[in-house]
Structures are given as C-alpha cells and as structure tokens.
Amino acid sequence: MYKFAPEVIRVGISGCLTGQAVRFDGGHKRSDFCTEELANFVEFVPLCPEIAIGLATPRPSIRLINQGGEILAQTAKGEDVTAALRAYGQKMAAQFDGLSGYILCAKSPSCGMERVRVYHGNANGKGKGKGNAKEGTGIYAAELMRAQPLLPLEEDGRLNDAVLRENFVTRVFALHDWQCLRHEGITAARLIAFHSRYKYLLMAHHRDSYLRLGKLLSDLSVDLEPKANAYIEGMMQALSNNASRTSHTNVLQHLQGYFKQELSSRQRQELTRTIHQYREGILPLLAPITLLRHYLAEYPNDYLHQQVYLNPHPEALRLRYGI
C-alpha cells in the first residue's frame, strides 16, 4: 500500500524508465529527465507489470492482438497474459491513492497510454492475421486509467515536449497540494482558500472551469464532501488542458493590473512589452513571470504572493524556459 505522506511527492513510473533492466530484451529505456531532474523533487515508485506477473528478462515480446473485437496480450510464443496483466493493474491501482502522478513507458503493450500497435488476429486465435494499427492502450495502463481518473498520467516520449512536460509536472504538484489538504482535513474555509490560490492557474488552463468551480463553492453550508470531490475532479480536468500563449497572456495582464498604481510609466511599458513579446513567441513564459515576481518583491501583495500560478513547480526544473 502506497500511503500518502505530506512530506514527499510519490510518482509511479515504469521500471525501465529508471534504468532497471526489465524490458523483454534485457535492456531499459532510462529517462534522463526523470532520473536526473524530476527525481530531485519526487520519490519514484518503479514498477514493471510484466516482471510482476512472473515473466523473465529477457523474455518473448508481448503483442496486443485484436481477436474478434477483444484486445488480448500475447507473448511471441502464443501465451495469453491478458488476464494476469489486467488483474495486476487492478490490484496495484487500488493501492495508488498515495501517488501524485505516474509516468508510463510509451508504445508498451502493458504500459502504453495510447497509439500502442494492435495486430489483427485470425481465426485460430494465434495473433498472426494480416495488418496492424497504432490504436491500442496497454493492458496495465488501461486498468490504471480506469481506476485512478484523477491521477496525472504521462508517457516518457511525450515528456520530451516542453508544453506537455510542464503541464504534467504542474498537475502532479497540484494534486499533491490537494492531497495535503485532504490529509489536513477539508473545511469550507480551507476549500475556499485553496481555490483562491489556484485562481490564475485555473484561469490559464481553462477559464470556464475556473468560473464553474467558483460557483460550486458559493454555498458550502451543506454537503461539503460531495462538493470537495466534484471540485477536485473539475480542477484536475481543467489542468489537463494545455495553457496557450493567449490564455497565459490573459492571466499575465490580469496580474499586471495589480501593479498599476505602484509602477512608473517606464516600468509599466517594460512589463507590457515583455508580455507582448511572450505572446508573439519572442520570449518564453519565464520572462514576464520573472518580471512580475520582481515587482511583487518590490511591492508586496499578499493575494498575489499566494498565487500558485507564479510558482506551480520548482524553478530548478526550468519548465517555463521553453514554453
């Protein structure tokens, strides 16, 4: 059982991505980002479902087979491991309430989230029919996604995309923040304060969700638990949307408004120019964020200090350098 601990952010990960030699060919797919950067801020929980169900390494490779509309996982020797992978996925997913995210190995017939190659079976059920398509989901991954819909999931290959990488890590830290709130105990005041801190981050990812979640919390005199559950579902769904340059620009301009009385004409022009250059793709998001932080240090504002948008994840990860 992977119990939640406020002092540590636990993230599940396919064992091969940490450098464990657990792949079918006896190799691994070590991720530099995961092992050299993200590992400095999270505690990884490495798992390999294929090893867990008793397969050796090296071993015959596994294929997904479309057999009459049913997706099966078969080894190259024809052994059906579908039920074993599915059962392991169900068993482990039930223990993952203490995780704040999960990184899966792309294209894997057990761990791939999408576009896993599926082969067409034939009448004898041996999986040797003609044709294939990249349209499947790994057996283990499917069970994990079904049982843990709030858990941020991402594949290692997609983490090479700067926008997707920043989005995933943002969701991991946001879910952990919510789990800390759960651990402390949810009250109406704490729930409202939590939403207040996430105002501009939610606005950047999905403005309509921000407004809808605010309305959800308008009356917390009764049924607090169902509303809390609905809130985190809506929040994680909102954050799963990638924030665009346009939506970031909108938020940056909102934040700029808090300094209109304090900044000189030159400072206002500098901030406006920096935001504009970000919108045009000339500067990364870090540029206007850094300038806003600078002015916030000069002209303190308690409400802005608490905004997660300005610091959604450790700056040392440099996630806003490339977006």
C-alpha atoms as a PDB file:
ATOM      1  CA  MET A   1       0.000   0.000   0.000  1.00  0.00           C
ATOM      2  CA  TYR A   2       1.449   3.368  -1.073  1.00  0.00           C
ATOM      3  CA  LYS A   3       0.065   5.633   1.618  1.00  0.00           C
ATOM      4  CA  PHE A   4       0.053   9.386   1.240  1.00  0.00           C
ATOM      5  CA  ALA A   5       2.799  11.288   3.036  1.00  0.00           C
ATOM      6  CA  PRO A   6       2.658  15.122   3.007  1.00  0.00           C
ATOM      7  CA  GLU A   7       6.422  15.465   3.134  1.00  0.00           C
ATOM      8  CA  VAL A   8       7.082  13.538  -0.080  1.00  0.00           C
ATOM      9  CA  ILE A   9       5.617  13.582  -3.576  1.00  0.00           C
ATOM     10  CA  ARG A  10       5.385   9.992  -4.806  1.00  0.00           C
ATOM     11  CA  VAL A  11       5.188   9.309  -8.531  1.00  0.00           C
ATOM     12  CA  GLY A  12       4.725   5.879 -10.059  1.00  0.00           C
ATOM     13  CA  ILE A  13       6.930   5.029 -13.021  1.00  0.00           C
ATOM     14  CA  SER A  14       7.582   2.165 -15.395  1.00  0.00           C
ATOM     15  CA  GLY A  15      10.699   0.492 -14.011  1.00  0.00           C
ATOM     16  CA  CYS A  16      12.541   0.525 -17.342  1.00  0.00           C
ATOM     17  CA  LEU A  17      12.439   4.352 -17.338  1.00  0.00           C
ATOM     18  CA  THR A  18      14.546   4.452 -14.169  1.00  0.00           C
ATOM     19  CA  GLY A  19      17.253   2.323 -15.770  1.00  0.00           C
ATOM     20  CA  GLN A  20      16.110  -1.054 -14.476  1.00  0.00           C
ATOM     21  CA  ALA A  21      16.963  -3.787 -16.994  1.00  0.00           C
ATOM     22  CA  VAL A  22      13.446  -5.208 -17.099  1.00  0.00           C
ATOM     23  CA  ARG A  23      12.486  -4.944 -20.764  1.00  0.00           C
ATOM     24  CA  PHE A  24      11.798  -8.010 -22.870  1.00  0.00           C
ATOM     25  CA  ASP A  25      15.238  -7.770 -24.460  1.00  0.00           C
ATOM     26  CA  GLY A  26      17.005  -7.371 -21.120  1.00  0.00           C
ATOM     27  CA  GLY A  27      17.515  -3.648 -21.658  1.00  0.00           C
ATOM     28  CA  HIS A  28      15.958  -0.445 -20.321  1.00  0.00           C
ATOM     29  CA  LYS A  29      14.663   2.936 -21.531  1.00  0.00           C
ATOM     30  CA  ARG A  30      16.181   5.206 -18.910  1.00  0.00           C
ATOM     31  CA  SER A  31      14.728   8.722 -18.994  1.00  0.00           C
ATOM     32  CA  ASP A  32      17.260  11.465 -18.300  1.00  0.00           C
ATOM     33  CA  PHE A  33      14.535  13.945 -17.376  1.00  0.00           C
ATOM     34  CA  CYS A  34      13.007  11.569 -14.851  1.00  0.00           C
ATOM     35  CA  THR A  35      16.200  10.259 -13.288  1.00  0.00           C
ATOM     36  CA  GLU A  36      18.379  13.366 -13.378  1.00  0.00           C
ATOM     37  CA  GLU A  37      15.896  16.205 -12.956  1.00  0.00           C
ATOM     38  CA  LEU A  38      12.463  15.233 -11.668  1.00  0.00           C
ATOM     39  CA  ALA A  39      13.936  12.679  -9.239  1.00  0.00           C
ATOM     40  CA  ASN A  40      15.377  15.596  -7.250  1.00  0.00           C
ATOM     41  CA  PHE A  41      11.854  16.621  -6.252  1.00  0.00           C
ATOM     42  CA  VAL A  42       9.779  13.440  -6.189  1.00  0.00           C
ATOM     43  CA  GLU A  43      10.131   9.912  -4.896  1.00  0.00           C
ATOM     44  CA  PHE A  44       9.656   7.423  -7.700  1.00  0.00           C
ATOM     45  CA  VAL A  45       7.802   4.147  -7.235  1.00  0.00           C
ATOM     46  CA  PRO A  46       9.197   1.971 -10.072  1.00  0.00           C
ATOM     47  CA  LEU A  47       7.092  -0.975 -11.234  1.00  0.00           C
ATOM     48  CA  CYS A  48       7.202  -3.363 -14.172  1.00  0.00           C
ATOM     49  CA  PRO A  49       3.911  -5.235 -14.620  1.00  0.00           C
ATOM     50  CA  GLU A  50       5.444  -7.806 -16.941  1.00  0.00           C
ATOM     51  CA  ILE A  51       8.061  -8.794 -14.365  1.00  0.00           C
ATOM     52  CA  ALA A  52       5.410  -8.638 -11.635  1.00  0.00           C
ATOM     53  CA  ILE A  53       3.239 -11.269 -13.326  1.00  0.00           C
ATOM     54  CA  GLY A  54       6.165 -13.666 -13.459  1.00  0.00           C
ATOM     55  CA  LEU A  55       7.731 -13.098 -16.873  1.00  0.00           C
ATOM     56  CA  ALA A  56      11.506 -13.338 -17.022  1.00  0.00           C
ATOM     57  CA  THR A  57      14.019 -10.975 -18.572  1.00  0.00           C
ATOM     58  CA  PRO A  58      14.931 -11.379 -21.334  1.00  0.00           C
ATOM     59  CA  ARG A  59      11.617 -12.854 -22.484  1.00  0.00           C
ATOM     60  CA  PRO A  60       9.444 -13.271 -25.564  1.00  0.00           C
ATOM     61  CA  SER A  61       7.954  -9.935 -26.567  1.00  0.00           C
ATOM     62  CA  ILE A  62       4.262  -9.211 -25.994  1.00  0.00           C
ATOM     63  CA  ARG A  63       1.821  -8.079 -28.671  1.00  0.00           C
ATOM     64  CA  LEU A  64      -1.674  -6.695 -28.441  1.00  0.00           C
ATOM     65  CA  ILE A  65      -3.995  -8.763 -30.645  1.00  0.00           C
ATOM     66  CA  ASN A  66      -7.453  -7.712 -31.792  1.00  0.00           C
ATOM     67  CA  GLN A  67      -9.274 -11.013 -31.668  1.00  0.00           C
ATOM     68  CA  GLY A  68     -12.861 -10.521 -32.781  1.00  0.00           C
ATOM     69  CA  GLY A  69     -13.056  -7.070 -31.180  1.00  0.00           C
ATOM     70  CA  GLU A  70     -11.420  -8.173 -27.924  1.00  0.00           C
ATOM     71  CA  ILE A  71      -7.900  -6.881 -27.244  1.00  0.00           C
ATOM     72  CA  LEU A  72      -5.602  -9.601 -25.952  1.00  0.00           C
ATOM     73  CA  ALA A  73      -1.977  -9.521 -24.834  1.00  0.00           C
ATOM     74  CA  GLN A  74       0.000 -12.485 -26.144  1.00  0.00           C
ATOM     75  CA  THR A  75       3.665 -13.371 -25.980  1.00  0.00           C
ATOM     76  CA  ALA A  76       5.547 -14.281 -29.134  1.00  0.00           C
ATOM     77  CA  LYS A  77       5.110 -17.900 -28.061  1.00  0.00           C
ATOM     78  CA  GLY A  78       1.323 -17.527 -28.028  1.00  0.00           C
ATOM     79  CA  GLU A  79       0.871 -17.338 -24.236  1.00  0.00           C
ATOM     80  CA  ASP A  80      -2.127 -15.183 -23.270  1.00  0.00           C
ATOM     81  CA  VAL A  81      -1.150 -12.834 -20.434  1.00  0.00           C
ATOM     82  CA  THR A  82      -4.152 -10.518 -20.706  1.00  0.00           C
ATOM     83  CA  ALA A  83      -5.871 -11.647 -17.513  1.00  0.00           C
ATOM     84  CA  ALA A  84      -2.654 -11.545 -15.498  1.00  0.00           C
ATOM     85  CA  LEU A  85      -1.787  -8.001 -16.595  1.00  0.00           C
ATOM     86  CA  ARG A  86      -5.340  -6.842 -16.032  1.00  0.00           C
ATOM     87  CA  ALA A  87      -5.508  -8.353 -12.552  1.00  0.00           C
ATOM     88  CA  TYR A  88      -2.163  -6.830 -11.601  1.00  0.00           C
ATOM     89  CA  GLY A  89      -3.317  -3.438 -12.856  1.00  0.00           C
ATOM     90  CA  GLN A  90      -6.496  -3.622 -10.801  1.00  0.00           C
ATOM     91  CA  LYS A  91      -4.606  -4.767  -7.711  1.00  0.00           C
ATOM     92  CA  MET A  92      -1.986  -2.025  -7.891  1.00  0.00           C
ATOM     93  CA  ALA A  93      -4.347   0.791  -8.880  1.00  0.00           C
ATOM     94  CA  ALA A  94      -6.282   0.138  -5.670  1.00  0.00           C
ATOM     95  CA  GLN A  95      -3.086   0.920  -3.738  1.00  0.00           C
ATOM     96  CA  PHE A  96      -2.170   4.128  -5.536  1.00  0.00           C
ATOM     97  CA  ASP A  97      -4.124   6.711  -3.531  1.00  0.00           C
ATOM     98  CA  GLY A  98      -0.788   7.889  -2.137  1.00  0.00           C
ATOM     99  CA  LEU A  99       0.668   8.646  -5.560  1.00  0.00           C
ATOM    100  CA  SER A 100       0.508  12.107  -7.122  1.00  0.00           C
ATOM    101  CA  GLY A 101       1.369  11.089 -10.691  1.00  0.00           C
ATOM    102  CA  TYR A 102       2.521   8.261 -12.923  1.00  0.00           C
ATOM    103  CA  ILE A 103       4.930   8.086 -15.866  1.00  0.00           C
ATOM    104  CA  LEU A 104       4.426   5.184 -18.258  1.00  0.00           C
ATOM    105  CA  CYS A 105       6.584   3.667 -20.973  1.00  0.00           C
ATOM    106  CA  ALA A 106       5.282   4.663 -24.402  1.00  0.00           C
ATOM    107  CA  LYS A 107       4.280   2.033 -27.002  1.00  0.00           C
ATOM    108  CA  SER A 108       4.403  -0.754 -24.427  1.00  0.00           C
ATOM    109  CA  PRO A 109       1.634  -3.409 -24.710  1.00  0.00           C
ATOM    110  CA  SER A 110       1.388  -3.295 -20.941  1.00  0.00           C
ATOM    111  CA  CYS A 111       2.136   0.352 -20.078  1.00  0.00           C
ATOM    112  CA  GLY A 112       1.457   2.420 -23.209  1.00  0.00           C
ATOM    113  CA  MET A 113      -1.274   5.043 -22.818  1.00  0.00           C
ATOM    114  CA  GLU A 114      -2.084   5.462 -26.490  1.00  0.00           C
ATOM    115  CA  ARG A 115      -1.080   4.510 -30.031  1.00  0.00           C
ATOM    116  CA  VAL A 116       0.142   1.063 -28.966  1.00  0.00           C
ATOM    117  CA  ARG A 117       0.389  -1.212 -32.010  1.00  0.00           C
ATOM    118  CA  VAL A 118      -2.505  -3.662 -32.251  1.00  0.00           C
ATOM    119  CA  TYR A 119      -2.263  -6.644 -34.582  1.00  0.00           C
ATOM    120  CA  HIS A 120      -5.224  -8.284 -36.255  1.00  0.00           C
ATOM    121  CA  GLY A 121      -5.778 -11.846 -35.131  1.00  0.00           C
ATOM    122  CA  ASN A 122      -7.016 -14.656 -37.312  1.00  0.00           C
ATOM    123  CA  ALA A 123      -9.500 -17.445 -36.906  1.00  0.00           C
ATOM    124  CA  ASN A 124      -7.153 -19.704 -34.959  1.00  0.00           C
ATOM    125  CA  GLY A 125      -6.573 -17.036 -32.316  1.00  0.00           C
ATOM    126  CA  LYS A 126      -2.787 -17.094 -32.699  1.00  0.00           C
ATOM    127  CA  GLY A 127      -2.498 -13.391 -33.461  1.00  0.00           C
ATOM    128  CA  LYS A 128      -0.950 -13.866 -36.888  1.00  0.00           C
ATOM    129  CA  GLY A 129      -3.550 -12.196 -39.049  1.00  0.00           C
ATOM    130  CA  LYS A 130      -2.642  -9.503 -41.516  1.00  0.00           C
ATOM    131  CA  GLY A 131      -2.308  -5.847 -40.703  1.00  0.00           C
ATOM    132  CA  ASN A 132      -1.883  -3.714 -37.601  1.00  0.00           C
ATOM    133  CA  ALA A 133      -2.664  -0.218 -36.399  1.00  0.00           C
ATOM    134  CA  LYS A 134      -1.357   2.110 -33.696  1.00  0.00           C
ATOM    135  CA  GLU A 135      -4.672   2.357 -31.910  1.00  0.00           C
ATOM    136  CA  GLY A 136      -4.310   0.488 -28.623  1.00  0.00           C
ATOM    137  CA  THR A 137      -3.733   1.086 -24.913  1.00  0.00           C
ATOM    138  CA  GLY A 138      -1.543  -1.125 -22.763  1.00  0.00           C
ATOM    139  CA  ILE A 139      -3.467  -3.600 -20.609  1.00  0.00           C
ATOM    140  CA  TYR A 140      -1.946  -2.415 -17.322  1.00  0.00           C
ATOM    141  CA  ALA A 141      -2.234   1.261 -18.271  1.00  0.00           C
ATOM    142  CA  ALA A 142      -5.919   0.848 -19.156  1.00  0.00           C
ATOM    143  CA  GLU A 143      -6.698  -0.519 -15.692  1.00  0.00           C
ATOM    144  CA  LEU A 144      -4.719   2.256 -14.043  1.00  0.00           C
ATOM    145  CA  MET A 145      -6.536   4.972 -16.005  1.00  0.00           C
ATOM    146  CA  ARG A 146      -9.896   3.398 -15.258  1.00  0.00           C
ATOM    147  CA  ALA A 147      -9.331   3.104 -11.509  1.00  0.00           C
ATOM    148  CA  GLN A 148      -7.456   6.398 -10.950  1.00  0.00           C
ATOM    149  CA  PRO A 149      -9.079   9.048 -13.175  1.00  0.00           C
ATOM    150  CA  LEU A 150      -7.646  11.955 -11.140  1.00  0.00           C
ATOM    151  CA  LEU A 151      -4.055  10.719 -11.252  1.00  0.00           C
ATOM    152  CA  PRO A 152      -1.861  12.711 -13.684  1.00  0.00           C
ATOM    153  CA  LEU A 153      -0.539  10.235 -16.247  1.00  0.00           C
ATOM    154  CA  GLU A 154       2.014  10.780 -18.982  1.00  0.00           C
ATOM    155  CA  GLU A 155       4.256   8.760 -21.271  1.00  0.00           C
ATOM    156  CA  ASP A 156       8.012   9.172 -21.341  1.00  0.00           C
ATOM    157  CA  GLY A 157       8.122  10.117 -25.017  1.00  0.00           C
ATOM    158  CA  ARG A 158       5.547  12.890 -24.626  1.00  0.00           C
ATOM    159  CA  LEU A 159       7.633  14.377 -21.810  1.00  0.00           C
ATOM    160  CA  ASN A 160      10.112  15.480 -24.462  1.00  0.00           C
ATOM    161  CA  ASP A 161       7.551  18.104 -25.472  1.00  0.00           C
ATOM    162  CA  ALA A 162       8.113  21.209 -23.324  1.00  0.00           C
ATOM    163  CA  VAL A 163       4.405  22.095 -23.069  1.00  0.00           C
ATOM    164  CA  LEU A 164       3.317  18.564 -22.157  1.00  0.00           C
ATOM    165  CA  ARG A 165       6.172  18.214 -19.668  1.00  0.00           C
ATOM    166  CA  GLU A 166       5.260  21.455 -17.891  1.00  0.00           C
ATOM    167  CA  ASN A 167       1.590  20.511 -17.875  1.00  0.00           C
ATOM    168  CA  PHE A 168       2.233  17.091 -16.352  1.00  0.00           C
ATOM    169  CA  VAL A 169       4.503  18.358 -13.579  1.00  0.00           C
ATOM    170  CA  THR A 170       2.051  21.162 -12.812  1.00  0.00           C
ATOM    171  CA  ARG A 171      -0.713  18.589 -12.339  1.00  0.00           C
ATOM    172  CA  VAL A 172       1.489  16.392 -10.140  1.00  0.00           C
ATOM    173  CA  PHE A 173       2.272  19.249  -7.762  1.00  0.00           C
ATOM    174  CA  ALA A 174      -1.346  20.456  -7.789  1.00  0.00           C
ATOM    175  CA  LEU A 175      -2.699  17.008  -6.915  1.00  0.00           C
ATOM    176  CA  HIS A 176      -0.166  16.662  -4.112  1.00  0.00           C
ATOM    177  CA  ASP A 177      -1.266  20.043  -2.789  1.00  0.00           C
ATOM    178  CA  TRP A 178      -4.859  18.790  -2.779  1.00  0.00           C
ATOM    179  CA  GLN A 179      -3.810  15.553  -1.073  1.00  0.00           C
ATOM    180  CA  CYS A 180      -2.145  17.640   1.639  1.00  0.00           C
ATOM    181  CA  LEU A 181      -5.419  19.499   2.101  1.00  0.00           C
ATOM    182  CA  ARG A 182      -7.255  16.173   2.367  1.00  0.00           C
ATOM    183  CA  HIS A 183      -4.701  14.948   4.888  1.00  0.00           C
ATOM    184  CA  GLU A 184      -5.090  18.091   6.984  1.00  0.00           C
ATOM    185  CA  GLY A 185      -8.868  17.893   6.815  1.00  0.00           C
ATOM    186  CA  ILE A 186     -11.203  19.742   4.480  1.00  0.00           C
ATOM    187  CA  THR A 187     -13.246  22.602   5.850  1.00  0.00           C
ATOM    188  CA  ALA A 188     -15.234  25.220   3.974  1.00  0.00           C
ATOM    189  CA  ALA A 189     -12.623  27.878   4.769  1.00  0.00           C
ATOM    190  CA  ARG A 190      -9.721  25.707   3.620  1.00  0.00           C
ATOM    191  CA  LEU A 191     -11.504  24.766   0.422  1.00  0.00           C
ATOM    192  CA  ILE A 192     -12.205  28.395  -0.443  1.00  0.00           C
ATOM    193  CA  ALA A 193      -8.616  29.347   0.368  1.00  0.00           C
ATOM    194  CA  PHE A 194      -7.355  26.533  -1.865  1.00  0.00           C
ATOM    195  CA  HIS A 195      -9.484  27.723  -4.774  1.00  0.00           C
ATOM    196  CA  SER A 196      -8.320  31.280  -4.205  1.00  0.00           C
ATOM    197  CA  ARG A 197      -4.672  30.214  -4.511  1.00  0.00           C
ATOM    198  CA  TYR A 198      -5.371  28.373  -7.757  1.00  0.00           C
ATOM    199  CA  LYS A 199      -7.426  31.151  -9.358  1.00  0.00           C
ATOM    200  CA  TYR A 200      -4.960  32.237 -12.015  1.00  0.00           C
ATOM    201  CA  LEU A 201      -3.536  28.789 -12.720  1.00  0.00           C
ATOM    202  CA  LEU A 202      -7.049  27.524 -13.429  1.00  0.00           C
ATOM    203  CA  MET A 203      -7.785  30.607 -15.498  1.00  0.00           C
ATOM    204  CA  ALA A 204      -4.707  29.948 -17.631  1.00  0.00           C
ATOM    205  CA  HIS A 205      -5.679  26.337 -18.314  1.00  0.00           C
ATOM    206  CA  HIS A 206      -9.453  26.612 -18.665  1.00  0.00           C
ATOM    207  CA  ARG A 207     -11.269  29.829 -17.781  1.00  0.00           C
ATOM    208  CA  ASP A 208     -14.770  28.313 -17.906  1.00  0.00           C
ATOM    209  CA  SER A 209     -13.735  25.673 -15.382  1.00  0.00           C
ATOM    210  CA  TYR A 210     -12.420  28.360 -13.053  1.00  0.00           C
ATOM    211  CA  LEU A 211     -15.774  30.112 -13.149  1.00  0.00           C
ATOM    212  CA  ARG A 212     -17.718  26.865 -12.760  1.00  0.00           C
ATOM    213  CA  LEU A 213     -15.633  25.747  -9.788  1.00  0.00           C
ATOM    214  CA  GLY A 214     -16.105  29.119  -8.137  1.00  0.00           C
ATOM    215  CA  LYS A 215     -19.872  28.742  -8.428  1.00  0.00           C
ATOM    216  CA  LEU A 216     -19.616  25.226  -6.997  1.00  0.00           C
ATOM    217  CA  LEU A 217     -18.089  26.689  -3.822  1.00  0.00           C
ATOM    218  CA  SER A 218     -20.597  29.501  -3.500  1.00  0.00           C
ATOM    219  CA  ASP A 219     -22.571  27.599  -0.840  1.00  0.00           C
ATOM    220  CA  LEU A 220     -20.610  25.246   1.399  1.00  0.00           C
ATOM    221  CA  SER A 221     -23.062  25.209   4.282  1.00  0.00           C
ATOM    222  CA  VAL A 222     -24.142  21.661   3.427  1.00  0.00           C
ATOM    223  CA  ASP A 223     -22.787  18.606   1.579  1.00  0.00           C
ATOM    224  CA  LEU A 224     -19.125  19.626   1.844  1.00  0.00           C
ATOM    225  CA  GLU A 225     -17.710  16.202   0.968  1.00  0.00           C
ATOM    226  CA  PRO A 226     -19.558  15.775  -2.369  1.00  0.00           C
ATOM    227  CA  LYS A 227     -18.613  19.312  -3.335  1.00  0.00           C
ATOM    228  CA  ALA A 228     -14.977  18.684  -2.458  1.00  0.00           C
ATOM    229  CA  ASN A 229     -14.990  15.568  -4.644  1.00  0.00           C
ATOM    230  CA  ALA A 230     -16.637  17.447  -7.503  1.00  0.00           C
ATOM    231  CA  TYR A 231     -14.144  20.287  -7.080  1.00  0.00           C
ATOM    232  CA  ILE A 232     -11.000  18.186  -7.436  1.00  0.00           C
ATOM    233  CA  GLU A 233     -12.488  16.299 -10.382  1.00  0.00           C
ATOM    234  CA  GLY A 234     -13.193  19.593 -12.124  1.00  0.00           C
ATOM    235  CA  MET A 235      -9.834  21.050 -11.195  1.00  0.00           C
ATOM    236  CA  MET A 236      -7.770  18.129 -12.486  1.00  0.00           C
ATOM    237  CA  GLN A 237      -9.806  18.044 -15.675  1.00  0.00           C
ATOM    238  CA  ALA A 238      -9.223  21.771 -16.156  1.00  0.00           C
ATOM    239  CA  LEU A 239      -5.474  21.469 -15.611  1.00  0.00           C
ATOM    240  CA  SER A 240      -5.265  18.639 -18.130  1.00  0.00           C
ATOM    241  CA  ASN A 241      -5.859  21.290 -20.815  1.00  0.00           C
ATOM    242  CA  ASN A 242      -2.627  22.821 -22.058  1.00  0.00           C
ATOM    243  CA  ALA A 243      -2.472  26.543 -21.364  1.00  0.00           C
ATOM    244  CA  SER A 244      -1.986  28.520 -24.580  1.00  0.00           C
ATOM    245  CA  ARG A 245       0.019  31.681 -25.151  1.00  0.00           C
ATOM    246  CA  THR A 246      -3.280  33.525 -25.436  1.00  0.00           C
ATOM    247  CA  SER A 247      -4.607  32.254 -22.100  1.00  0.00           C
ATOM    248  CA  HIS A 248      -1.271  32.869 -20.381  1.00  0.00           C
ATOM    249  CA  THR A 249      -1.245  36.390 -21.798  1.00  0.00           C
ATOM    250  CA  ASN A 250      -4.716  37.000 -20.402  1.00  0.00           C
ATOM    251  CA  VAL A 251      -3.575  35.929 -16.939  1.00  0.00           C
ATOM    252  CA  LEU A 252      -0.380  37.959 -17.144  1.00  0.00           C
ATOM    253  CA  GLN A 253      -2.390  41.063 -17.999  1.00  0.00           C
ATOM    254  CA  HIS A 254      -4.666  40.411 -15.018  1.00  0.00           C
ATOM    255  CA  LEU A 255      -1.615  40.197 -12.754  1.00  0.00           C
ATOM    256  CA  GLN A 256      -0.182  43.342 -14.329  1.00  0.00           C
ATOM    257  CA  GLY A 257      -3.301  45.189 -13.198  1.00  0.00           C
ATOM    258  CA  TYR A 258      -2.374  44.710  -9.525  1.00  0.00           C
ATOM    259  CA  PHE A 259       0.656  46.984 -10.030  1.00  0.00           C
ATOM    260  CA  LYS A 260      -0.911  49.827 -11.995  1.00  0.00           C
ATOM    261  CA  GLN A 261      -0.676  52.217  -9.030  1.00  0.00           C
ATOM    262  CA  GLU A 262       2.847  51.247  -7.983  1.00  0.00           C
ATOM    263  CA  LEU A 263       4.779  51.083 -11.250  1.00  0.00           C
ATOM    264  CA  SER A 264       6.283  54.045 -13.000  1.00  0.00           C
ATOM    265  CA  SER A 265       5.434  54.746 -16.627  1.00  0.00           C
ATOM    266  CA  ARG A 266       8.723  53.172 -17.684  1.00  0.00           C
ATOM    267  CA  GLN A 267       8.092  50.039 -15.607  1.00  0.00           C
ATOM    268  CA  ARG A 268       4.563  49.662 -16.941  1.00  0.00           C
ATOM    269  CA  GLN A 269       5.829  49.947 -20.502  1.00  0.00           C
ATOM    270  CA  GLU A 270       8.563  47.382 -19.815  1.00  0.00           C
ATOM    271  CA  LEU A 271       6.089  44.877 -18.386  1.00  0.00           C
ATOM    272  CA  THR A 272       3.618  45.455 -21.228  1.00  0.00           C
ATOM    273  CA  ARG A 273       6.383  44.985 -23.798  1.00  0.00           C
ATOM    274  CA  THR A 274       7.600  41.774 -22.117  1.00  0.00           C
ATOM    275  CA  ILE A 275       4.100  40.297 -22.031  1.00  0.00           C
ATOM    276  CA  HIS A 276       3.598  41.248 -25.676  1.00  0.00           C
ATOM    277  CA  GLN A 277       6.887  39.634 -26.677  1.00  0.00           C
ATOM    278  CA  TYR A 278       5.858  36.473 -24.871  1.00  0.00           C
ATOM    279  CA  ARG A 279       2.508  36.454 -26.697  1.00  0.00           C
ATOM    280  CA  GLU A 280       4.335  36.830 -30.015  1.00  0.00           C
ATOM    281  CA  GLY A 281       6.625  33.896 -29.218  1.00  0.00           C
ATOM    282  CA  ILE A 282       9.761  36.033 -28.903  1.00  0.00           C
ATOM    283  CA  LEU A 283      10.253  35.377 -25.187  1.00  0.00           C
ATOM    284  CA  PRO A 284       9.470  32.323 -23.033  1.00  0.00           C
ATOM    285  CA  LEU A 285       6.851  32.438 -20.296  1.00  0.00           C
ATOM    286  CA  LEU A 286       9.604  32.716 -17.715  1.00  0.00           C
ATOM    287  CA  ALA A 287      10.410  36.272 -18.857  1.00  0.00           C
ATOM    288  CA  PRO A 288       7.153  38.032 -17.850  1.00  0.00           C
ATOM    289  CA  ILE A 289       6.808  35.739 -14.816  1.00  0.00           C
ATOM    290  CA  THR A 290      10.258  36.774 -13.590  1.00  0.00           C
ATOM    291  CA  LEU A 291       9.448  40.447 -14.063  1.00  0.00           C
ATOM    292  CA  LEU A 292       6.174  40.064 -12.176  1.00  0.00           C
ATOM    293  CA  ARG A 293       7.977  38.325  -9.332  1.00  0.00           C
ATOM    294  CA  HIS A 294      10.484  41.167  -9.249  1.00  0.00           C
ATOM    295  CA  TYR A 295       7.750  43.770  -8.913  1.00  0.00           C
ATOM    296  CA  LEU A 296       5.964  41.620  -6.345  1.00  0.00           C
ATOM    297  CA  ALA A 297       9.126  41.629  -4.222  1.00  0.00           C
ATOM    298  CA  GLU A 298       9.287  45.428  -4.531  1.00  0.00           C
ATOM    299  CA  TYR A 299       5.578  45.991  -3.958  1.00  0.00           C
ATOM    300  CA  PRO A 300       4.293  43.125  -1.775  1.00  0.00           C
ATOM    301  CA  ASN A 301       0.749  41.917  -2.259  1.00  0.00           C
ATOM    302  CA  ASP A 302      -0.476  39.114  -0.005  1.00  0.00           C
ATOM    303  CA  TYR A 303      -3.056  37.881  -2.506  1.00  0.00           C
ATOM    304  CA  LEU A 304      -0.525  37.619  -5.326  1.00  0.00           C
ATOM    305  CA  HIS A 305       2.083  36.020  -3.078  1.00  0.00           C
ATOM    306  CA  GLN A 306      -0.215  33.048  -2.578  1.00  0.00           C
ATOM    307  CA  GLN A 307      -0.975  32.516  -6.271  1.00  0.00           C
ATOM    308  CA  VAL A 308       0.226  29.088  -7.383  1.00  0.00           C
ATOM    309  CA  TYR A 309       0.390  30.357 -10.971  1.00  0.00           C
ATOM    310  CA  LEU A 310       3.617  32.231 -10.208  1.00  0.00           C
ATOM    311  CA  ASN A 311       5.320  29.120  -8.750  1.00  0.00           C
ATOM    312  CA  PRO A 312       3.462  25.924  -9.736  1.00  0.00           C
ATOM    313  CA  HIS A 313       6.594  23.760  -9.521  1.00  0.00           C
ATOM    314  CA  PRO A 314      10.276  24.085  -8.514  1.00  0.00           C
ATOM    315  CA  GLU A 315      12.050  26.673 -10.641  1.00  0.00           C
ATOM    316  CA  ALA A 316      15.123  24.421 -10.766  1.00  0.00           C
ATOM    317  CA  LEU A 317      13.216  22.161 -13.175  1.00  0.00           C
ATOM    318  CA  ARG A 318      13.311  25.051 -15.716  1.00  0.00           C
ATOM    319  CA  LEU A 319       9.955  24.009 -17.139  1.00  0.00           C
ATOM    320  CA  ARG A 320       8.954  27.520 -18.196  1.00  0.00           C
ATOM    321  CA  TYR A 321      12.147  28.184 -20.108  1.00  0.00           C
ATOM    322  CA  GLY A 322      10.850  26.567 -23.273  1.00  0.00           C
ATOM    323  CA  ILE A 323       7.162  27.496 -23.358  1.00  0.00           C
END
